[in-house]
Amino acid sequence: MLIKDSLPAGYFLGVGSNANPRENIPRALAALVRRFGCLHSSSIYLTEPVAVDGDELFRNLVLFLPTTLAEAELKAFCNDIETQLGRDRTHPQRKWIARPVDLDILRCFAGETEILQPEALAQEPYFWWPYRSCCDA
């Protein structure tokens, strides 16, 4: 259980890539920084791809993005980044092909003191450790 009272309002984002992640993750982060200025980031964690093609390990991290932007606007912005980096949402096998970048909104944070638990942030355990790293930083 983590208690943070110093974070402003914002969102926790999950970031993952298993297609050229050494180039695509920095490009995604740069686009987010250009738009929002400041990010809090976890370390990068390596995980095996599950039900996704590709031999390369997934690189996963969690970001805290301070913003009061509406969730739908943030999702649209994240989708644009994914598309710019080569994600094809029209591909018939889109759920199972390697991902240049995957940006998921994990949780909206109101900015007040909250008890933050990794299990409440995301169902996927591979985000729990990066989340702890991001919050403890």
C-alpha atoms as a PDB file:
ATOM      1  CA  MET A   1       0.000   0.000   0.000  1.00  0.00           C
ATOM      2  CA  LEU A   2       1.415   3.350  -1.017  1.00  0.00           C
ATOM      3  CA  ILE A   3       0.253   6.762   0.109  1.00  0.00           C
ATOM      4  CA  LYS A   4       1.170   9.727  -2.024  1.00  0.00           C
ATOM      5  CA  ASP A   5       0.008  13.218  -1.231  1.00  0.00           C
ATOM      6  CA  SER A   6       2.487  15.092  -3.385  1.00  0.00           C
ATOM      7  CA  LEU A   7       1.180  14.114  -6.812  1.00  0.00           C
ATOM      8  CA  PRO A   8      -1.008  16.605  -8.669  1.00  0.00           C
ATOM      9  CA  ALA A   9      -4.033  15.529 -10.673  1.00  0.00           C
ATOM     10  CA  GLY A  10      -3.132  13.361 -13.625  1.00  0.00           C
ATOM     11  CA  TYR A  11      -3.027   9.883 -15.087  1.00  0.00           C
ATOM     12  CA  PHE A  12      -1.004   6.737 -14.716  1.00  0.00           C
ATOM     13  CA  LEU A  13      -0.121   5.384 -18.162  1.00  0.00           C
ATOM     14  CA  GLY A  14       1.179   1.949 -19.027  1.00  0.00           C
ATOM     15  CA  VAL A  15       3.758   1.939 -21.815  1.00  0.00           C
ATOM     16  CA  GLY A  16       4.847  -1.192 -23.634  1.00  0.00           C
ATOM     17  CA  SER A  17       6.709  -2.153 -26.785  1.00  0.00           C
ATOM     18  CA  ASN A  18       8.092  -5.315 -28.356  1.00  0.00           C
ATOM     19  CA  ALA A  19       8.813  -3.938 -31.845  1.00  0.00           C
ATOM     20  CA  ASN A  20      12.004  -1.886 -31.873  1.00  0.00           C
ATOM     21  CA  PRO A  21      11.413  -0.730 -28.276  1.00  0.00           C
ATOM     22  CA  ARG A  22      14.807   0.964 -27.915  1.00  0.00           C
ATOM     23  CA  GLU A  23      13.682   3.519 -30.498  1.00  0.00           C
ATOM     24  CA  ASN A  24       9.903   3.534 -30.068  1.00  0.00           C
ATOM     25  CA  ILE A  25       9.675   4.028 -26.308  1.00  0.00           C
ATOM     26  CA  PRO A  26      11.920   7.140 -26.337  1.00  0.00           C
ATOM     27  CA  ARG A  27       9.925   8.516 -29.283  1.00  0.00           C
ATOM     28  CA  ALA A  28       6.639   8.009 -27.419  1.00  0.00           C
ATOM     29  CA  LEU A  29       8.063   9.610 -24.267  1.00  0.00           C
ATOM     30  CA  ALA A  30       9.377  12.567 -26.282  1.00  0.00           C
ATOM     31  CA  ALA A  31       5.907  13.150 -27.777  1.00  0.00           C
ATOM     32  CA  LEU A  32       4.347  13.086 -24.297  1.00  0.00           C
ATOM     33  CA  VAL A  33       6.975  15.474 -22.910  1.00  0.00           C
ATOM     34  CA  ARG A  34       6.470  17.883 -25.831  1.00  0.00           C
ATOM     35  CA  ARG A  35       2.744  18.001 -25.049  1.00  0.00           C
ATOM     36  CA  PHE A  36       2.718  17.872 -21.246  1.00  0.00           C
ATOM     37  CA  GLY A  37       6.177  18.975 -20.124  1.00  0.00           C
ATOM     38  CA  CYS A  38       6.850  16.708 -17.180  1.00  0.00           C
ATOM     39  CA  LEU A  39       6.565  12.971 -16.613  1.00  0.00           C
ATOM     40  CA  HIS A  40       7.297  10.730 -13.647  1.00  0.00           C
ATOM     41  CA  SER A  41       8.605   7.386 -14.871  1.00  0.00           C
ATOM     42  CA  SER A  42       9.250   3.966 -13.451  1.00  0.00           C
ATOM     43  CA  SER A  43      12.158   1.823 -14.496  1.00  0.00           C
ATOM     44  CA  ILE A  44      11.698  -0.347 -17.572  1.00  0.00           C
ATOM     45  CA  TYR A  45      10.749  -3.952 -16.903  1.00  0.00           C
ATOM     46  CA  LEU A  46      11.224  -6.798 -19.378  1.00  0.00           C
ATOM     47  CA  THR A  47       8.433  -9.330 -19.824  1.00  0.00           C
ATOM     48  CA  GLU A  48       7.755 -12.211 -22.175  1.00  0.00           C
ATOM     49  CA  PRO A  49       5.168 -11.504 -24.878  1.00  0.00           C
ATOM     50  CA  VAL A  50       1.844 -13.164 -24.017  1.00  0.00           C
ATOM     51  CA  ALA A  51      -0.506 -13.941 -26.929  1.00  0.00           C
ATOM     52  CA  VAL A  52       1.432 -11.493 -29.113  1.00  0.00           C
ATOM     53  CA  ASP A  53       3.690 -12.346 -32.043  1.00  0.00           C
ATOM     54  CA  GLY A  54       7.332 -11.426 -31.947  1.00  0.00           C
ATOM     55  CA  ASP A  55      10.480 -12.794 -30.402  1.00  0.00           C
ATOM     56  CA  GLU A  56      11.515  -9.582 -28.687  1.00  0.00           C
ATOM     57  CA  LEU A  57      10.709  -9.128 -25.017  1.00  0.00           C
ATOM     58  CA  PHE A  58       8.218  -6.450 -24.079  1.00  0.00           C
ATOM     59  CA  ARG A  59       9.645  -3.390 -22.404  1.00  0.00           C
ATOM     60  CA  ASN A  60       7.053  -2.073 -19.921  1.00  0.00           C
ATOM     61  CA  LEU A  61       7.006   0.990 -17.735  1.00  0.00           C
ATOM     62  CA  VAL A  62       4.503   3.152 -15.923  1.00  0.00           C
ATOM     63  CA  LEU A  63       4.317   6.924 -16.231  1.00  0.00           C
ATOM     64  CA  PHE A  64       2.560   9.478 -14.121  1.00  0.00           C
ATOM     65  CA  LEU A  65       1.437  12.317 -16.340  1.00  0.00           C
ATOM     66  CA  PRO A  66       0.322  15.451 -14.477  1.00  0.00           C
ATOM     67  CA  THR A  67      -2.575  16.954 -16.434  1.00  0.00           C
ATOM     68  CA  THR A  68      -6.218  17.894 -16.094  1.00  0.00           C
ATOM     69  CA  LEU A  69      -6.911  16.932 -19.713  1.00  0.00           C
ATOM     70  CA  ALA A  70     -10.124  14.957 -20.183  1.00  0.00           C
ATOM     71  CA  GLU A  71      -9.578  11.199 -20.408  1.00  0.00           C
ATOM     72  CA  ALA A  72     -11.041  10.956 -23.918  1.00  0.00           C
ATOM     73  CA  GLU A  73      -8.644  13.654 -25.161  1.00  0.00           C
ATOM     74  CA  LEU A  74      -5.665  11.912 -23.573  1.00  0.00           C
ATOM     75  CA  LYS A  75      -6.720   8.580 -25.103  1.00  0.00           C
ATOM     76  CA  ALA A  76      -7.004  10.191 -28.550  1.00  0.00           C
ATOM     77  CA  PHE A  77      -3.550  11.766 -28.138  1.00  0.00           C
ATOM     78  CA  CYS A  78      -2.053   8.421 -27.065  1.00  0.00           C
ATOM     79  CA  ASN A  79      -3.707   6.674 -30.037  1.00  0.00           C
ATOM     80  CA  ASP A  80      -2.178   9.284 -32.364  1.00  0.00           C
ATOM     81  CA  ILE A  81       1.288   8.567 -30.933  1.00  0.00           C
ATOM     82  CA  GLU A  82       0.765   4.832 -31.414  1.00  0.00           C
ATOM     83  CA  THR A  83      -0.284   5.386 -35.046  1.00  0.00           C
ATOM     84  CA  GLN A  84       2.642   7.740 -35.760  1.00  0.00           C
ATOM     85  CA  LEU A  85       5.036   5.065 -34.489  1.00  0.00           C
ATOM     86  CA  GLY A  86       3.560   2.406 -36.756  1.00  0.00           C
ATOM     87  CA  ARG A  87       0.736   0.716 -34.888  1.00  0.00           C
ATOM     88  CA  ASP A  88      -1.887  -0.476 -37.365  1.00  0.00           C
ATOM     89  CA  ARG A  89      -5.332  -0.513 -35.761  1.00  0.00           C
ATOM     90  CA  THR A  90      -6.931  -1.760 -38.993  1.00  0.00           C
ATOM     91  CA  HIS A  91      -4.823  -4.927 -39.306  1.00  0.00           C
ATOM     92  CA  PRO A  92      -7.057  -8.023 -38.899  1.00  0.00           C
ATOM     93  CA  GLN A  93      -4.538  -9.532 -36.442  1.00  0.00           C
ATOM     94  CA  ARG A  94      -3.935  -6.237 -34.580  1.00  0.00           C
ATOM     95  CA  LYS A  95      -4.420  -7.819 -31.133  1.00  0.00           C
ATOM     96  CA  TRP A  96      -1.671 -10.409 -31.743  1.00  0.00           C
ATOM     97  CA  ILE A  97       0.994  -8.658 -33.819  1.00  0.00           C
ATOM     98  CA  ALA A  98       4.121  -7.055 -32.346  1.00  0.00           C
ATOM     99  CA  ARG A  99       3.565  -3.541 -31.033  1.00  0.00           C
ATOM    100  CA  PRO A 100       5.799  -0.574 -31.790  1.00  0.00           C
ATOM    101  CA  VAL A 101       4.223   1.105 -28.756  1.00  0.00           C
ATOM    102  CA  ASP A 102       1.172   0.549 -26.609  1.00  0.00           C
ATOM    103  CA  LEU A 103      -0.045   3.427 -24.420  1.00  0.00           C
ATOM    104  CA  ASP A 104      -2.783   2.530 -21.944  1.00  0.00           C
ATOM    105  CA  ILE A 105      -4.504   4.784 -19.437  1.00  0.00           C
ATOM    106  CA  LEU A 106      -4.329   2.771 -16.222  1.00  0.00           C
ATOM    107  CA  ARG A 107      -5.860   5.192 -13.756  1.00  0.00           C
ATOM    108  CA  CYS A 108      -7.037   8.751 -13.377  1.00  0.00           C
ATOM    109  CA  PHE A 109      -5.653  10.345 -10.214  1.00  0.00           C
ATOM    110  CA  ALA A 110      -7.622  13.217  -8.693  1.00  0.00           C
ATOM    111  CA  GLY A 111      -4.654  14.790  -6.934  1.00  0.00           C
ATOM    112  CA  GLU A 112      -5.790  14.406  -3.371  1.00  0.00           C
ATOM    113  CA  THR A 113      -4.237  12.002  -0.884  1.00  0.00           C
ATOM    114  CA  GLU A 114      -5.176   8.502  -1.962  1.00  0.00           C
ATOM    115  CA  ILE A 115      -4.159   5.049  -0.997  1.00  0.00           C
ATOM    116  CA  LEU A 116      -2.666   3.672  -4.165  1.00  0.00           C
ATOM    117  CA  GLN A 117      -2.400  -0.066  -4.603  1.00  0.00           C
ATOM    118  CA  PRO A 118      -0.892  -1.673  -7.698  1.00  0.00           C
ATOM    119  CA  GLU A 119      -3.748  -4.158  -7.971  1.00  0.00           C
ATOM    120  CA  ALA A 120      -6.235  -1.279  -8.246  1.00  0.00           C
ATOM    121  CA  LEU A 121      -4.179   0.363 -10.986  1.00  0.00           C
ATOM    122  CA  ALA A 122      -4.084  -2.445 -13.524  1.00  0.00           C
ATOM    123  CA  GLN A 123      -5.192  -6.029 -13.903  1.00  0.00           C
ATOM    124  CA  GLU A 124      -1.929  -6.947 -15.608  1.00  0.00           C
ATOM    125  CA  PRO A 125       0.700  -7.901 -12.990  1.00  0.00           C
ATOM    126  CA  TYR A 126       3.522  -6.742 -15.293  1.00  0.00           C
ATOM    127  CA  PHE A 127       2.485  -3.155 -14.508  1.00  0.00           C
ATOM    128  CA  TRP A 128       2.498  -3.600 -10.706  1.00  0.00           C
ATOM    129  CA  TRP A 129       6.277  -3.393 -10.200  1.00  0.00           C
ATOM    130  CA  PRO A 130       6.779  -0.445 -12.526  1.00  0.00           C
ATOM    131  CA  TYR A 131       3.881   1.267 -10.773  1.00  0.00           C
ATOM    132  CA  ARG A 132       5.552   0.833  -7.386  1.00  0.00           C
ATOM    133  CA  SER A 133       8.784   2.178  -8.856  1.00  0.00           C
ATOM    134  CA  CYS A 134       6.987   5.211 -10.303  1.00  0.00           C
ATOM    135  CA  CYS A 135       5.215   6.028  -7.025  1.00  0.00           C
ATOM    136  CA  ASP A 136       8.252   5.527  -4.815  1.00  0.00           C
ATOM    137  CA  ALA A 137      10.475   7.745  -6.957  1.00  0.00           C
END
